[in-house]
Amino acid sequence: MIYKSHDGAATAGRPRLLPWSNLDGNPCYLVTDGTGTGRLARLADDVEAVQLGMADDLLGHAVDLLGDGKATAPQLRYLAACLAEALHDVHRIARSRGARLPVPHDDEASHVTPEEAPGV
């Protein structure tokens, strides 16, 4: 599959969804030169890595708690709330990263076989 080049000029106007919200709960975006090496871009990468690591740890805890026959209803409700928050974070990261993927040329995208398709 052939992808369009994403040099700095091509991605400079494309905002990056950041892994945090402003004080009003609205999404925050970053517009960069497209290199992804600025201080704020690196901070966002670090925050995403922490969020993904915490979500992974939480999944392990969830497996343990769900396997415990003595888990109480309040413990399970708290777990569900934490899992919902982690899912929100991971979904935001996926949207942010998906928006930054290179766009395939239209004529080449139709020639992709299921074996070549990402995620299949």
Protein backbone atom coordinates (compact mmCIF):
# COMPACT_ATOMS: atom_id res chain seq x y z
CA MET A 1 0.00 0.00 0.00
CA ILE A 2 1.29 3.44 -0.89
CA TYR A 3 0.82 6.28 1.57
CA LYS A 4 0.88 9.99 1.00
CA SER A 5 3.90 11.74 2.39
CA HIS A 6 3.26 13.61 5.60
CA ASP A 7 5.94 16.21 5.70
CA GLY A 8 5.74 19.12 8.12
CA ALA A 9 3.81 21.31 5.69
CA ALA A 10 1.18 18.62 5.06
CA THR A 11 0.42 18.00 8.75
CA ALA A 12 1.05 21.46 10.20
CA GLY A 13 -2.63 22.43 10.09
CA ARG A 14 -3.83 19.07 11.41
CA PRO A 15 -4.49 19.30 15.15
CA ARG A 16 -3.54 16.49 17.52
CA LEU A 17 -6.11 15.50 20.13
CA LEU A 18 -4.31 15.67 23.47
CA PRO A 19 -4.86 13.09 26.24
CA TRP A 20 -6.42 15.63 28.62
CA SER A 21 -9.30 18.09 28.73
CA ASN A 22 -9.43 21.74 29.70
CA LEU A 23 -11.03 22.92 32.96
CA ASP A 24 -14.46 22.97 31.29
CA GLY A 25 -14.09 19.34 30.16
CA ASN A 26 -13.58 20.24 26.50
CA PRO A 27 -10.94 18.47 24.42
CA CYS A 28 -7.53 20.09 23.96
CA TYR A 29 -5.70 20.08 20.64
CA LEU A 30 -2.12 20.77 19.61
CA VAL A 31 -1.09 22.13 16.23
CA THR A 32 2.59 21.51 15.49
CA ASP A 33 5.02 21.55 12.61
CA GLY A 34 4.33 17.82 12.13
CA THR A 35 7.58 16.48 13.59
CA GLY A 36 6.06 15.46 16.92
CA THR A 37 9.25 16.36 18.73
CA GLY A 38 8.13 19.49 20.57
CA ARG A 39 7.95 19.65 24.35
CA LEU A 40 4.14 19.48 24.50
CA ALA A 41 3.99 16.62 21.98
CA ARG A 42 6.50 14.65 24.05
CA LEU A 43 4.52 15.38 27.23
CA ALA A 44 1.36 14.13 25.51
CA ASP A 45 3.22 10.95 24.46
CA ASP A 46 4.33 10.42 28.06
CA VAL A 47 0.81 10.97 29.43
CA GLU A 48 -0.60 8.51 26.87
CA ALA A 49 2.00 5.92 27.90
CA VAL A 50 1.04 6.33 31.57
CA GLN A 51 -2.67 6.09 30.76
CA LEU A 52 -2.17 2.92 28.70
CA GLY A 53 -0.02 1.37 31.42
CA MET A 54 -2.60 2.18 34.09
CA ALA A 55 -5.37 0.69 31.93
CA ASP A 56 -3.33 -2.49 31.51
CA ASP A 57 -2.74 -2.72 35.27
CA LEU A 58 -6.43 -2.14 35.90
CA LEU A 59 -7.36 -5.01 33.58
CA GLY A 60 -5.19 -7.33 35.65
CA HIS A 61 -6.86 -6.11 38.83
CA ALA A 62 -10.29 -6.56 37.25
CA VAL A 63 -9.54 -10.20 36.38
CA ASP A 64 -8.45 -10.84 39.96
CA LEU A 65 -11.44 -9.09 41.53
CA LEU A 66 -13.97 -10.75 39.22
CA GLY A 67 -12.48 -14.12 40.06
CA ASP A 68 -12.89 -13.45 43.79
CA GLY A 69 -16.21 -14.83 44.97
CA LYS A 70 -16.03 -12.57 48.04
CA ALA A 71 -15.95 -9.30 46.05
CA THR A 72 -18.60 -6.91 47.33
CA ALA A 73 -21.05 -4.86 45.29
CA PRO A 74 -19.31 -1.56 46.20
CA GLN A 75 -15.95 -3.01 45.10
CA LEU A 76 -17.43 -4.09 41.79
CA ARG A 77 -19.12 -0.70 41.24
CA TYR A 78 -15.82 1.05 41.92
CA LEU A 79 -14.08 -1.32 39.51
CA ALA A 80 -16.69 -0.57 36.84
CA ALA A 81 -16.20 3.19 37.32
CA CYS A 82 -12.42 2.82 37.03
CA LEU A 83 -12.76 0.63 33.93
CA ALA A 84 -15.08 3.19 32.32
CA GLU A 85 -12.56 5.97 32.97
CA ALA A 86 -9.71 3.86 31.58
CA LEU A 87 -11.78 2.98 28.50
CA HIS A 88 -12.45 6.69 27.95
CA ASP A 89 -8.70 7.40 28.09
CA VAL A 90 -7.80 4.55 25.75
CA HIS A 91 -10.54 5.56 23.31
CA ARG A 92 -9.24 9.15 23.23
CA ILE A 93 -5.70 7.85 22.57
CA ALA A 94 -6.97 5.63 19.75
CA ARG A 95 -8.85 8.54 18.16
CA SER A 96 -5.79 10.78 18.46
CA ARG A 97 -3.43 8.23 16.97
CA GLY A 98 -5.87 7.18 14.27
CA ALA A 99 -6.24 10.77 13.13
CA ARG A 100 -2.46 10.97 12.70
CA LEU A 101 -2.12 7.86 10.53
CA PRO A 102 -1.03 8.42 6.93
CA VAL A 103 -3.85 8.44 4.42
CA PRO A 104 -3.52 5.83 1.62
CA HIS A 105 -3.93 6.93 -1.99
CA ASP A 106 -7.50 6.20 -3.12
CA ASP A 107 -6.43 4.09 -6.12
CA GLU A 108 -4.16 1.92 -3.95
CA ALA A 109 -6.65 1.42 -1.09
CA SER A 110 -8.98 -0.61 -3.32
CA HIS A 111 -6.19 -3.14 -4.03
CA VAL A 112 -5.66 -4.17 -0.41
CA THR A 113 -6.32 -7.84 0.29
CA PRO A 114 -7.74 -8.91 3.67
CA GLU A 115 -4.31 -10.33 4.59
CA GLU A 116 -2.74 -6.88 4.08
CA ALA A 117 -5.42 -4.91 5.89
CA PRO A 118 -4.36 -3.56 9.29
CA GLY A 119 -5.96 -5.19 12.29
CA VAL A 120 -7.20 -8.22 10.38
